[in-house]
Amino acid sequence: MKKSDRCGNCGAHLSKEHQFCIYCGTKAGEGAFEFNPEEGQILYGPPVIFDCKCEKCGKFWTSLGFGINRTKYCPVCGSEIDKTKVSLEEFKKRKDEDNI
């Protein structure tokens, strides 16, 4: 994974379409986090898939986590999200419409 694939503040992975980090809200390309590929993380078990929606811009996306949804910010507009407002039915409908 390239350094540019990481958040400059917290080091989280950023997808190509992410303009902001979903965990800390830092704009892609900003910050001075130094990723060290020699330092690995050991994780056990399969990740849990969380469905997310931004109330401000309407973006739907999925986020992977290990027991807790750490997503706090929209990857497109950087707005803080309210995790309690995502309806599974609404997400599935939009996901089918957008082919995400």
Protein backbone atom coordinates (compact mmCIF):
# COMPACT_ATOMS: atom_id res chain seq x y z
CA MET A 1 0.00 0.00 0.00
CA LYS A 2 1.40 3.37 -1.01
CA LYS A 3 1.77 6.23 1.45
CA SER A 4 -0.82 8.20 -0.55
CA ASP A 5 -3.34 5.43 0.20
CA ARG A 6 -3.20 6.40 3.89
CA CYS A 7 -4.69 9.25 5.90
CA GLY A 8 -2.07 11.87 6.69
CA ASN A 9 -3.40 12.21 10.25
CA CYS A 10 -4.34 8.76 11.57
CA GLY A 11 -2.87 6.40 8.93
CA ALA A 12 -6.18 4.74 8.02
CA HIS A 13 -6.59 3.29 4.53
CA LEU A 14 -8.15 5.69 2.00
CA SER A 15 -9.96 4.35 -1.07
CA LYS A 16 -9.40 6.12 -4.40
CA GLU A 17 -12.76 7.91 -4.18
CA HIS A 18 -12.21 9.12 -0.60
CA GLN A 19 -11.61 12.84 -0.40
CA PHE A 20 -11.70 12.74 3.43
CA CYS A 21 -10.75 10.13 6.04
CA ILE A 22 -13.88 8.41 7.38
CA TYR A 23 -12.30 8.01 10.83
CA CYS A 24 -10.81 11.42 11.63
CA GLY A 25 -12.13 13.74 8.85
CA THR A 26 -8.71 14.81 7.55
CA LYS A 27 -8.72 15.86 3.88
CA ALA A 28 -6.91 13.38 1.60
CA GLY A 29 -3.31 14.46 0.96
CA GLU A 30 -3.04 16.54 4.13
CA GLY A 31 -1.10 15.67 7.28
CA ALA A 32 2.28 14.16 7.97
CA PHE A 33 1.56 10.62 9.20
CA GLU A 34 4.49 8.33 8.42
CA PHE A 35 3.24 4.82 7.59
CA ASN A 36 5.71 2.07 8.47
CA PRO A 37 4.95 -1.15 6.56
CA GLU A 38 7.24 -3.04 8.95
CA GLU A 39 4.73 -2.48 11.77
CA GLY A 40 1.80 -4.80 11.19
CA GLN A 41 -1.49 -5.29 12.93
CA ILE A 42 -2.77 -8.66 14.05
CA LEU A 43 -6.51 -9.01 13.71
CA TYR A 44 -8.59 -12.08 14.43
CA GLY A 45 -11.87 -13.05 12.82
CA PRO A 46 -13.77 -11.71 9.85
CA PRO A 47 -14.60 -8.00 9.69
CA VAL A 48 -18.12 -6.71 10.28
CA ILE A 49 -19.64 -4.74 7.39
CA PHE A 50 -21.30 -1.45 8.33
CA ASP A 51 -23.63 0.45 5.98
CA CYS A 52 -23.20 4.22 6.15
CA LYS A 53 -24.95 7.26 4.69
CA CYS A 54 -24.10 10.96 4.76
CA GLU A 55 -27.17 13.08 5.48
CA LYS A 56 -25.50 16.16 3.96
CA CYS A 57 -24.46 14.91 0.50
CA GLY A 58 -26.39 11.62 0.30
CA LYS A 59 -23.33 9.37 -0.23
CA PHE A 60 -23.83 5.70 0.67
CA TRP A 61 -20.84 3.43 1.43
CA THR A 62 -19.80 0.37 3.39
CA SER A 63 -17.12 0.35 6.05
CA LEU A 64 -15.34 -2.64 7.55
CA GLY A 65 -14.70 -2.89 11.27
CA PHE A 66 -13.83 -5.34 13.98
CA GLY A 67 -16.72 -5.23 16.41
CA ILE A 68 -17.38 -1.48 16.28
CA ASN A 69 -18.13 1.05 13.56
CA ARG A 70 -15.41 3.69 13.87
CA THR A 71 -16.69 5.66 10.86
CA LYS A 72 -17.31 9.28 11.85
CA TYR A 73 -16.94 11.32 8.64
CA CYS A 74 -18.19 11.18 5.05
CA PRO A 75 -15.44 10.21 2.58
CA VAL A 76 -16.83 12.62 -0.05
CA CYS A 77 -17.76 15.86 1.73
CA GLY A 78 -16.02 15.38 5.12
CA SER A 79 -19.19 16.02 7.15
CA GLU A 80 -19.62 14.30 10.50
CA ILE A 81 -22.15 11.48 10.15
CA ASP A 82 -24.91 10.28 12.46
CA LYS A 83 -24.57 6.49 12.50
CA THR A 84 -28.06 6.04 13.96
CA LYS A 85 -29.83 7.38 10.85
CA VAL A 86 -28.86 4.62 8.41
CA SER A 87 -31.82 2.37 7.56
CA LEU A 88 -30.91 -1.05 6.13
CA GLU A 89 -33.84 -0.97 3.72
CA GLU A 90 -32.90 2.50 2.47
CA PHE A 91 -29.26 1.46 2.07
CA LYS A 92 -30.11 -1.70 0.11
CA LYS A 93 -32.43 0.26 -2.20
CA ARG A 94 -29.79 2.93 -2.88
CA LYS A 95 -27.03 0.34 -3.18
CA ASP A 96 -29.01 -1.45 -5.92
CA GLU A 97 -29.68 1.86 -7.72
CA ASP A 98 -26.03 2.96 -7.61
CA ASN A 99 -24.49 -0.51 -8.11
CA ILE A 100 -22.14 -0.04 -5.16
